[in-house]
PDB file of N, CA and C in Angstrom:
ATOM      1  N   UNK A   1       6.035  12.695  -7.601  1.00  0.00           N
ATOM      2  CA  UNK A   1       5.324  12.487  -6.347  1.00  0.00           C
ATOM      3  C   UNK A   1       6.340  12.435  -5.206  1.00  0.00           C
ATOM      4  N   UNK A   2       5.986  13.073  -4.106  1.00  0.00           N
ATOM      5  CA  UNK A   2       6.857  12.984  -2.942  1.00  0.00           C
ATOM      6  C   UNK A   2       6.320  11.916  -1.982  1.00  0.00           C
ATOM      7  N   UNK A   3       7.035  11.718  -0.884  1.00  0.00           N
ATOM      8  CA  UNK A   3       6.659  10.662   0.073  1.00  0.00           C
ATOM      9  C   UNK A   3       5.242  10.842   0.607  1.00  0.00           C
ATOM     10  N   UNK A   4       4.881  12.076   0.930  1.00  0.00           N
ATOM     11  CA  UNK A   4       3.537  12.328   1.471  1.00  0.00           C
ATOM     12  C   UNK A   4       2.453  12.018   0.447  1.00  0.00           C
ATOM     13  N   UNK A   5       2.700  12.378  -0.803  1.00  0.00           N
ATOM     14  CA  UNK A   5       1.732  12.083  -1.864  1.00  0.00           C
ATOM     15  C   UNK A   5       1.559  10.579  -2.032  1.00  0.00           C
ATOM     16  N   UNK A   6       2.663   9.873  -2.018  1.00  0.00           N
ATOM     17  CA  UNK A   6       2.612   8.415  -2.180  1.00  0.00           C
ATOM     18  C   UNK A   6       1.891   7.785  -1.004  1.00  0.00           C
ATOM     19  N   UNK A   7       2.198   8.222   0.200  1.00  0.00           N
ATOM     20  CA  UNK A   7       1.532   7.687   1.393  1.00  0.00           C
ATOM     21  C   UNK A   7       0.027   7.893   1.297  1.00  0.00           C
ATOM     22  N   UNK A   8      -0.396   9.095   0.937  1.00  0.00           N
ATOM     23  CA  UNK A   8      -1.828   9.386   0.829  1.00  0.00           C
ATOM     24  C   UNK A   8      -2.485   8.520  -0.238  1.00  0.00           C
ATOM     25  N   UNK A   9      -1.791   8.324  -1.335  1.00  0.00           N
ATOM     26  CA  UNK A   9      -2.337   7.505  -2.417  1.00  0.00           C
ATOM     27  C   UNK A   9      -2.481   6.050  -1.972  1.00  0.00           C
ATOM     28  N   UNK A  10      -1.466   5.517  -1.309  1.00  0.00           N
ATOM     29  CA  UNK A  10      -1.533   4.128  -0.836  1.00  0.00           C
ATOM     30  C   UNK A  10      -2.664   3.970   0.174  1.00  0.00           C
ATOM     31  N   UNK A  11      -2.790   4.897   1.096  1.00  0.00           N
ATOM     32  CA  UNK A  11      -3.874   4.818   2.081  1.00  0.00           C
ATOM     33  C   UNK A  11      -5.234   4.887   1.377  1.00  0.00           C
ATOM     34  N   UNK A  12      -5.360   5.766   0.413  1.00  0.00           N
ATOM     35  CA  UNK A  12      -6.625   5.871  -0.330  1.00  0.00           C
ATOM     36  C   UNK A  12      -6.948   4.570  -1.053  1.00  0.00           C
ATOM     37  N   UNK A  13      -5.936   3.928  -1.612  1.00  0.00           N
ATOM     38  CA  UNK A  13      -6.167   2.665  -2.320  1.00  0.00           C
ATOM     39  C   UNK A  13      -6.505   1.538  -1.351  1.00  0.00           C
ATOM     40  N   UNK A  14      -5.893   1.550  -0.178  1.00  0.00           N
ATOM     41  CA  UNK A  14      -6.265   0.573   0.855  1.00  0.00           C
ATOM     42  C   UNK A  14      -7.714   0.807   1.261  1.00  0.00           C
ATOM     43  N   UNK A  15      -8.078   2.072   1.433  1.00  0.00           N
ATOM     44  CA  UNK A  15      -9.451   2.404   1.830  1.00  0.00           C
ATOM     45  C   UNK A  15     -10.460   2.052   0.738  1.00  0.00           C
ATOM     46  N   UNK A  16     -10.022   1.999  -0.516  1.00  0.00           N
ATOM     47  CA  UNK A  16     -10.944   1.611  -1.582  1.00  0.00           C
ATOM     48  C   UNK A  16     -11.324   0.132  -1.453  1.00  0.00           C
ATOM     49  N   UNK A  17     -10.453  -0.648  -0.838  1.00  0.00           N
ATOM     50  CA  UNK A  17     -10.714  -2.070  -0.611  1.00  0.00           C
ATOM     51  C   UNK A  17     -11.316  -2.286   0.775  1.00  0.00           C
ATOM     52  N   UNK A  18     -10.854  -1.500   1.746  1.00  0.00           N
ATOM     53  CA  UNK A  18     -11.325  -1.627   3.137  1.00  0.00           C
ATOM     54  C   UNK A  18     -11.726  -0.235   3.633  1.00  0.00           C
ATOM     55  N   UNK A  19     -12.948   0.220   3.303  1.00  0.00           N
ATOM     56  CA  UNK A  19     -13.360   1.589   3.619  1.00  0.00           C
ATOM     57  C   UNK A  19     -13.394   1.926   5.105  1.00  0.00           C
ATOM     58  N   UNK A  20     -13.383   0.921   5.945  1.00  0.00           N
ATOM     59  CA  UNK A  20     -13.426   1.173   7.389  1.00  0.00           C
ATOM     60  C   UNK A  20     -12.084   1.637   7.954  1.00  0.00           C
ATOM     61  N   UNK A  21     -11.031   1.563   7.169  1.00  0.00           N
ATOM     62  CA  UNK A  21      -9.696   1.938   7.611  1.00  0.00           C
ATOM     63  C   UNK A  21      -9.594   3.455   7.736  1.00  0.00           C
ATOM     64  N   UNK A  22      -9.070   3.894   8.865  1.00  0.00           N
ATOM     65  CA  UNK A  22      -8.806   5.315   9.092  1.00  0.00           C
ATOM     66  C   UNK A  22      -7.303   5.537   9.040  1.00  0.00           C
ATOM     67  N   UNK A  23      -6.867   6.505   8.264  1.00  0.00           N
ATOM     68  CA  UNK A  23      -5.437   6.781   8.124  1.00  0.00           C
ATOM     69  C   UNK A  23      -4.795   7.051   9.478  1.00  0.00           C
ATOM     70  N   UNK A  24      -5.496   7.746  10.348  1.00  0.00           N
ATOM     71  CA  UNK A  24      -4.939   8.093  11.659  1.00  0.00           C
ATOM     72  C   UNK A  24      -4.694   6.865  12.531  1.00  0.00           C
ATOM     73  N   UNK A  25      -5.324   5.746  12.203  1.00  0.00           N
ATOM     74  CA  UNK A  25      -5.147   4.511  12.978  1.00  0.00           C
ATOM     75  C   UNK A  25      -3.970   3.669  12.495  1.00  0.00           C
ATOM     76  N   UNK A  26      -3.369   4.043  11.364  1.00  0.00           N
ATOM     77  CA  UNK A  26      -2.293   3.241  10.798  1.00  0.00           C
ATOM     78  C   UNK A  26      -0.937   3.682  11.326  1.00  0.00           C
ATOM     79  N   UNK A  27      -0.214   2.740  11.904  1.00  0.00           N
ATOM     80  CA  UNK A  27       1.165   2.990  12.319  1.00  0.00           C
ATOM     81  C   UNK A  27       2.056   2.693  11.118  1.00  0.00           C
ATOM     82  N   UNK A  28       2.888   3.637  10.763  1.00  0.00           N
ATOM     83  CA  UNK A  28       3.684   3.544   9.535  1.00  0.00           C
ATOM     84  C   UNK A  28       4.619   2.348   9.477  1.00  0.00           C
ATOM     85  N   UNK A  29       5.146   1.941  10.610  1.00  0.00           N
ATOM     86  CA  UNK A  29       6.160   0.888  10.592  1.00  0.00           C
ATOM     87  C   UNK A  29       5.613  -0.506  10.928  1.00  0.00           C
ATOM     88  N   UNK A  30       4.376  -0.602  11.377  1.00  0.00           N
ATOM     89  CA  UNK A  30       3.782  -1.914  11.686  1.00  0.00           C
ATOM     90  C   UNK A  30       3.237  -2.555  10.422  1.00  0.00           C
ATOM     91  N   UNK A  31       3.298  -3.876  10.330  1.00  0.00           N
ATOM     92  CA  UNK A  31       2.731  -4.556   9.155  1.00  0.00           C
ATOM     93  C   UNK A  31       1.249  -4.203   8.969  1.00  0.00           C
ATOM     94  N   UNK A  32       0.919  -3.817   7.762  1.00  0.00           N
ATOM     95  CA  UNK A  32      -0.451  -3.402   7.459  1.00  0.00           C
ATOM     96  C   UNK A  32      -1.463  -4.511   7.675  1.00  0.00           C
ATOM     97  N   UNK A  33      -1.082  -5.718   7.327  1.00  0.00           N
ATOM     98  CA  UNK A  33      -2.058  -6.810   7.444  1.00  0.00           C
ATOM     99  C   UNK A  33      -2.348  -7.153   8.894  1.00  0.00           C
ATOM    100  N   UNK A  34      -1.515  -6.703   9.833  1.00  0.00           N
ATOM    101  CA  UNK A  34      -1.826  -6.853  11.252  1.00  0.00           C
ATOM    102  C   UNK A  34      -2.777  -5.750  11.720  1.00  0.00           C
ATOM    103  N   UNK A  35      -2.760  -4.624  11.017  1.00  0.00           N
ATOM    104  CA  UNK A  35      -3.571  -3.472  11.409  1.00  0.00           C
ATOM    105  C   UNK A  35      -4.909  -3.417  10.697  1.00  0.00           C
ATOM    106  N   UNK A  36      -4.938  -3.965   9.503  1.00  0.00           N
ATOM    107  CA  UNK A  36      -6.125  -3.901   8.664  1.00  0.00           C
ATOM    108  C   UNK A  36      -6.562  -5.322   8.357  1.00  0.00           C
ATOM    109  N   UNK A  37      -7.852  -5.560   8.475  1.00  0.00           N
ATOM    110  CA  UNK A  37      -8.385  -6.901   8.244  1.00  0.00           C
ATOM    111  C   UNK A  37      -8.523  -7.153   6.745  1.00  0.00           C
ATOM    112  N   UNK A  38      -7.399  -7.522   6.109  1.00  0.00           N
ATOM    113  CA  UNK A  38      -7.392  -7.825   4.684  1.00  0.00           C
ATOM    114  C   UNK A  38      -6.990  -9.281   4.484  1.00  0.00           C
ATOM    115  N   UNK A  39      -7.838 -10.024   3.793  1.00  0.00           N
ATOM    116  CA  UNK A  39      -7.439 -11.385   3.453  1.00  0.00           C
ATOM    117  C   UNK A  39      -6.531 -11.323   2.227  1.00  0.00           C
ATOM    118  N   UNK A  40      -6.079 -12.462   1.766  1.00  0.00           N
ATOM    119  CA  UNK A  40      -5.116 -12.481   0.665  1.00  0.00           C
ATOM    120  C   UNK A  40      -5.714 -11.904  -0.627  1.00  0.00           C
ATOM    121  N   UNK A  41      -6.991 -12.109  -0.861  1.00  0.00           N
ATOM    122  CA  UNK A  41      -7.627 -11.546  -2.054  1.00  0.00           C
ATOM    123  C   UNK A  41      -7.713 -10.021  -1.961  1.00  0.00           C
ATOM    124  N   UNK A  42      -8.045  -9.516  -0.780  1.00  0.00           N
ATOM    125  CA  UNK A  42      -8.094  -8.067  -0.589  1.00  0.00           C
ATOM    126  C   UNK A  42      -6.708  -7.455  -0.749  1.00  0.00           C
ATOM    127  N   UNK A  43      -5.701  -8.135  -0.232  1.00  0.00           N
ATOM    128  CA  UNK A  43      -4.324  -7.642  -0.356  1.00  0.00           C
ATOM    129  C   UNK A  43      -3.922  -7.573  -1.830  1.00  0.00           C
ATOM    130  N   UNK A  44      -4.306  -8.582  -2.576  1.00  0.00           N
ATOM    131  CA  UNK A  44      -4.020  -8.580  -4.016  1.00  0.00           C
ATOM    132  C   UNK A  44      -4.769  -7.443  -4.712  1.00  0.00           C
ATOM    133  N   UNK A  45      -5.983  -7.148  -4.275  1.00  0.00           N
ATOM    134  CA  UNK A  45      -6.741  -6.024  -4.835  1.00  0.00           C
ATOM    135  C   UNK A  45      -6.014  -4.701  -4.588  1.00  0.00           C
ATOM    136  N   UNK A  46      -5.411  -4.556  -3.418  1.00  0.00           N
ATOM    137  CA  UNK A  46      -4.644  -3.338  -3.116  1.00  0.00           C
ATOM    138  C   UNK A  46      -3.446  -3.243  -4.059  1.00  0.00           C
ATOM    139  N   UNK A  47      -2.727  -4.330  -4.223  1.00  0.00           N
ATOM    140  CA  UNK A  47      -1.560  -4.352  -5.114  1.00  0.00           C
ATOM    141  C   UNK A  47      -1.972  -4.006  -6.542  1.00  0.00           C
ATOM    142  N   UNK A  48      -3.060  -4.578  -7.001  1.00  0.00           N
ATOM    143  CA  UNK A  48      -3.547  -4.287  -8.354  1.00  0.00           C
ATOM    144  C   UNK A  48      -4.021  -2.840  -8.487  1.00  0.00           C
ATOM    145  N   UNK A  49      -4.640  -2.315  -7.438  1.00  0.00           N
ATOM    146  CA  UNK A  49      -5.087  -0.922  -7.466  1.00  0.00           C
ATOM    147  C   UNK A  49      -3.892   0.030  -7.556  1.00  0.00           C
ATOM    148  N   UNK A  50      -2.826  -0.285  -6.833  1.00  0.00           N
ATOM    149  CA  UNK A  50      -1.612   0.532  -6.912  1.00  0.00           C
ATOM    150  C   UNK A  50      -1.049   0.467  -8.328  1.00  0.00           C
ATOM    151  N   UNK A  51      -1.025  -0.717  -8.888  1.00  0.00           N
ATOM    152  CA  UNK A  51      -0.527  -0.883 -10.259  1.00  0.00           C
ATOM    153  C   UNK A  51      -1.348  -0.041 -11.242  1.00  0.00           C
ATOM    154  N   UNK A  52      -2.659  -0.117 -11.132  1.00  0.00           N
ATOM    155  CA  UNK A  52      -3.532   0.604 -12.058  1.00  0.00           C
ATOM    156  C   UNK A  52      -3.441   2.116 -11.879  1.00  0.00           C
ATOM    157  N   UNK A  53      -3.410   2.575 -10.648  1.00  0.00           N
ATOM    158  CA  UNK A  53      -3.420   4.018 -10.380  1.00  0.00           C
ATOM    159  C   UNK A  53      -2.058   4.663 -10.640  1.00  0.00           C
ATOM    160  N   UNK A  54      -0.983   3.999 -10.200  1.00  0.00           N
ATOM    161  CA  UNK A  54       0.346   4.604 -10.289  1.00  0.00           C
ATOM    162  C   UNK A  54       1.181   4.054 -11.439  1.00  0.00           C
ATOM    163  N   UNK A  55       0.646   3.062 -12.135  1.00  0.00           N
ATOM    164  CA  UNK A  55       1.341   2.461 -13.286  1.00  0.00           C
ATOM    165  C   UNK A  55       2.711   1.895 -12.897  1.00  0.00           C
ATOM    166  N   UNK A  56       2.731   1.229 -11.752  1.00  0.00           N
ATOM    167  CA  UNK A  56       3.948   0.591 -11.268  1.00  0.00           C
ATOM    168  C   UNK A  56       3.727  -0.917 -11.289  1.00  0.00           C
ATOM    169  N   UNK A  57       4.573  -1.618 -12.033  1.00  0.00           N
ATOM    170  CA  UNK A  57       4.512  -3.081 -12.028  1.00  0.00           C
ATOM    171  C   UNK A  57       5.145  -3.578 -10.748  1.00  0.00           C
ATOM    172  N   UNK A  58       4.422  -4.410 -10.025  1.00  0.00           N
ATOM    173  CA  UNK A  58       4.927  -4.979  -8.778  1.00  0.00           C
ATOM    174  C   UNK A  58       5.001  -6.488  -8.977  1.00  0.00           C
ATOM    175  N   UNK A  59       6.211  -7.013  -9.192  1.00  0.00           N
ATOM    176  CA  UNK A  59       6.332  -8.457  -9.400  1.00  0.00           C
ATOM    177  C   UNK A  59       5.982  -9.219  -8.127  1.00  0.00           C
ATOM    178  N   UNK A  60       5.461 -10.397  -8.317  1.00  0.00           N
ATOM    179  CA  UNK A  60       5.068 -11.224  -7.176  1.00  0.00           C
ATOM    180  C   UNK A  60       6.224 -11.434  -6.203  1.00  0.00           C
ATOM    181  N   UNK A  61       7.438 -11.484  -6.702  1.00  0.00           N
ATOM    182  CA  UNK A  61       8.620 -11.661  -5.846  1.00  0.00           C
ATOM    183  C   UNK A  61       8.785 -10.502  -4.863  1.00  0.00           C
ATOM    184  N   UNK A  62       8.189  -9.346  -5.160  1.00  0.00           N
ATOM    185  CA  UNK A  62       8.315  -8.179  -4.286  1.00  0.00           C
ATOM    186  C   UNK A  62       7.171  -8.042  -3.280  1.00  0.00           C
ATOM    187  N   UNK A  63       6.153  -8.850  -3.378  1.00  0.00           N
ATOM    188  CA  UNK A  63       5.007  -8.718  -2.480  1.00  0.00           C
ATOM    189  C   UNK A  63       5.433  -8.752  -1.016  1.00  0.00           C
ATOM    190  N   UNK A  64       6.364  -9.608  -0.671  1.00  0.00           N
ATOM    191  CA  UNK A  64       6.820  -9.736   0.712  1.00  0.00           C
ATOM    192  C   UNK A  64       7.555  -8.515   1.225  1.00  0.00           C
ATOM    193  N   UNK A  65       8.010  -7.660   0.326  1.00  0.00           N
ATOM    194  CA  UNK A  65       8.706  -6.436   0.715  1.00  0.00           C
ATOM    195  C   UNK A  65       7.735  -5.332   1.121  1.00  0.00           C
ATOM    196  N   UNK A  66       6.467  -5.524   0.854  1.00  0.00           N
ATOM    197  CA  UNK A  66       5.455  -4.489   1.053  1.00  0.00           C
ATOM    198  C   UNK A  66       4.613  -4.789   2.286  1.00  0.00           C
ATOM    199  N   UNK A  67       5.262  -4.777   3.416  1.00  0.00           N
ATOM    200  CA  UNK A  67       4.567  -5.123   4.662  1.00  0.00           C
ATOM    201  C   UNK A  67       3.937  -3.917   5.335  1.00  0.00           C
ATOM    202  N   UNK A  68       4.710  -2.866   5.530  1.00  0.00           N
ATOM    203  CA  UNK A  68       4.216  -1.699   6.257  1.00  0.00           C
ATOM    204  C   UNK A  68       3.961  -0.540   5.298  1.00  0.00           C
ATOM    205  N   UNK A  69       3.320   0.483   5.801  1.00  0.00           N
ATOM    206  CA  UNK A  69       3.093   1.678   5.008  1.00  0.00           C
ATOM    207  C   UNK A  69       4.429   2.303   4.615  1.00  0.00           C
ATOM    208  N   UNK A  70       5.390   2.304   5.531  1.00  0.00           N
ATOM    209  CA  UNK A  70       6.737   2.802   5.213  1.00  0.00           C
ATOM    210  C   UNK A  70       7.366   2.008   4.079  1.00  0.00           C
ATOM    211  N   UNK A  71       7.167   0.684   4.097  1.00  0.00           N
ATOM    212  CA  UNK A  71       7.704  -0.170   3.026  1.00  0.00           C
ATOM    213  C   UNK A  71       7.105   0.224   1.679  1.00  0.00           C
ATOM    214  N   UNK A  72       5.797   0.440   1.652  1.00  0.00           N
ATOM    215  CA  UNK A  72       5.115   0.838   0.419  1.00  0.00           C
ATOM    216  C   UNK A  72       5.679   2.143  -0.103  1.00  0.00           C
ATOM    217  N   UNK A  73       5.792   3.125   0.779  1.00  0.00           N
ATOM    218  CA  UNK A  73       6.271   4.458   0.368  1.00  0.00           C
ATOM    219  C   UNK A  73       7.693   4.355  -0.178  1.00  0.00           C
ATOM    220  N   UNK A  74       8.550   3.665   0.527  1.00  0.00           N
ATOM    221  CA  UNK A  74       9.935   3.522   0.101  1.00  0.00           C
ATOM    222  C   UNK A  74      10.017   2.804  -1.246  1.00  0.00           C
ATOM    223  N   UNK A  75       9.295   1.713  -1.378  1.00  0.00           N
ATOM    224  CA  UNK A  75       9.289   0.922  -2.601  1.00  0.00           C
ATOM    225  C   UNK A  75       8.797   1.752  -3.785  1.00  0.00           C
ATOM    226  N   UNK A  76       7.679   2.446  -3.600  1.00  0.00           N
ATOM    227  CA  UNK A  76       7.099   3.214  -4.690  1.00  0.00           C
ATOM    228  C   UNK A  76       7.938   4.445  -5.032  1.00  0.00           C
ATOM    229  N   UNK A  77       8.580   5.048  -4.055  1.00  0.00           N
ATOM    230  CA  UNK A  77       9.485   6.170  -4.348  1.00  0.00           C
ATOM    231  C   UNK A  77      10.590   5.721  -5.287  1.00  0.00           C
ATOM    232  N   UNK A  78      11.164   4.576  -5.008  1.00  0.00           N
ATOM    233  CA  UNK A  78      12.229   4.055  -5.871  1.00  0.00           C
ATOM    234  C   UNK A  78      11.705   3.724  -7.261  1.00  0.00           C
ATOM    235  N   UNK A  79      10.531   3.129  -7.324  1.00  0.00           N
ATOM    236  CA  UNK A  79       9.980   2.696  -8.607  1.00  0.00           C
ATOM    237  C   UNK A  79       9.468   3.862  -9.451  1.00  0.00           C
ATOM    238  N   UNK A  80       9.044   4.939  -8.803  1.00  0.00           N
ATOM    239  CA  UNK A  80       8.510   6.080  -9.517  1.00  0.00           C
ATOM    240  C   UNK A  80       9.582   7.106  -9.880  1.00  0.00           C
ATOM    241  N   UNK A  81      10.776   6.912  -9.363  1.00  0.00           N
ATOM    242  CA  UNK A  81      11.865   7.875  -9.626  1.00  0.00           C
ATOM    243  C   UNK A  81      12.330   7.818 -11.065  1.00  0.00           C
TER     244      UNK A  81
END
């Protein structure tokens, strides 16, 4: 998977939890939780959806590293390599 594929997948998984989210409205470098109305349970659902779809284990210690869409893409690129 390349960066664009990962970005699209992450956005799709966010939209599976928050269908009102439009990809065009997301700024890549801004924290997602400031842009998308996700409570902590919804955020955990996104993390679990990424785990299930991409088969990437995301330890709780890494949750804080996954703030922006850019952070997600970078993190998953490293983990999927």
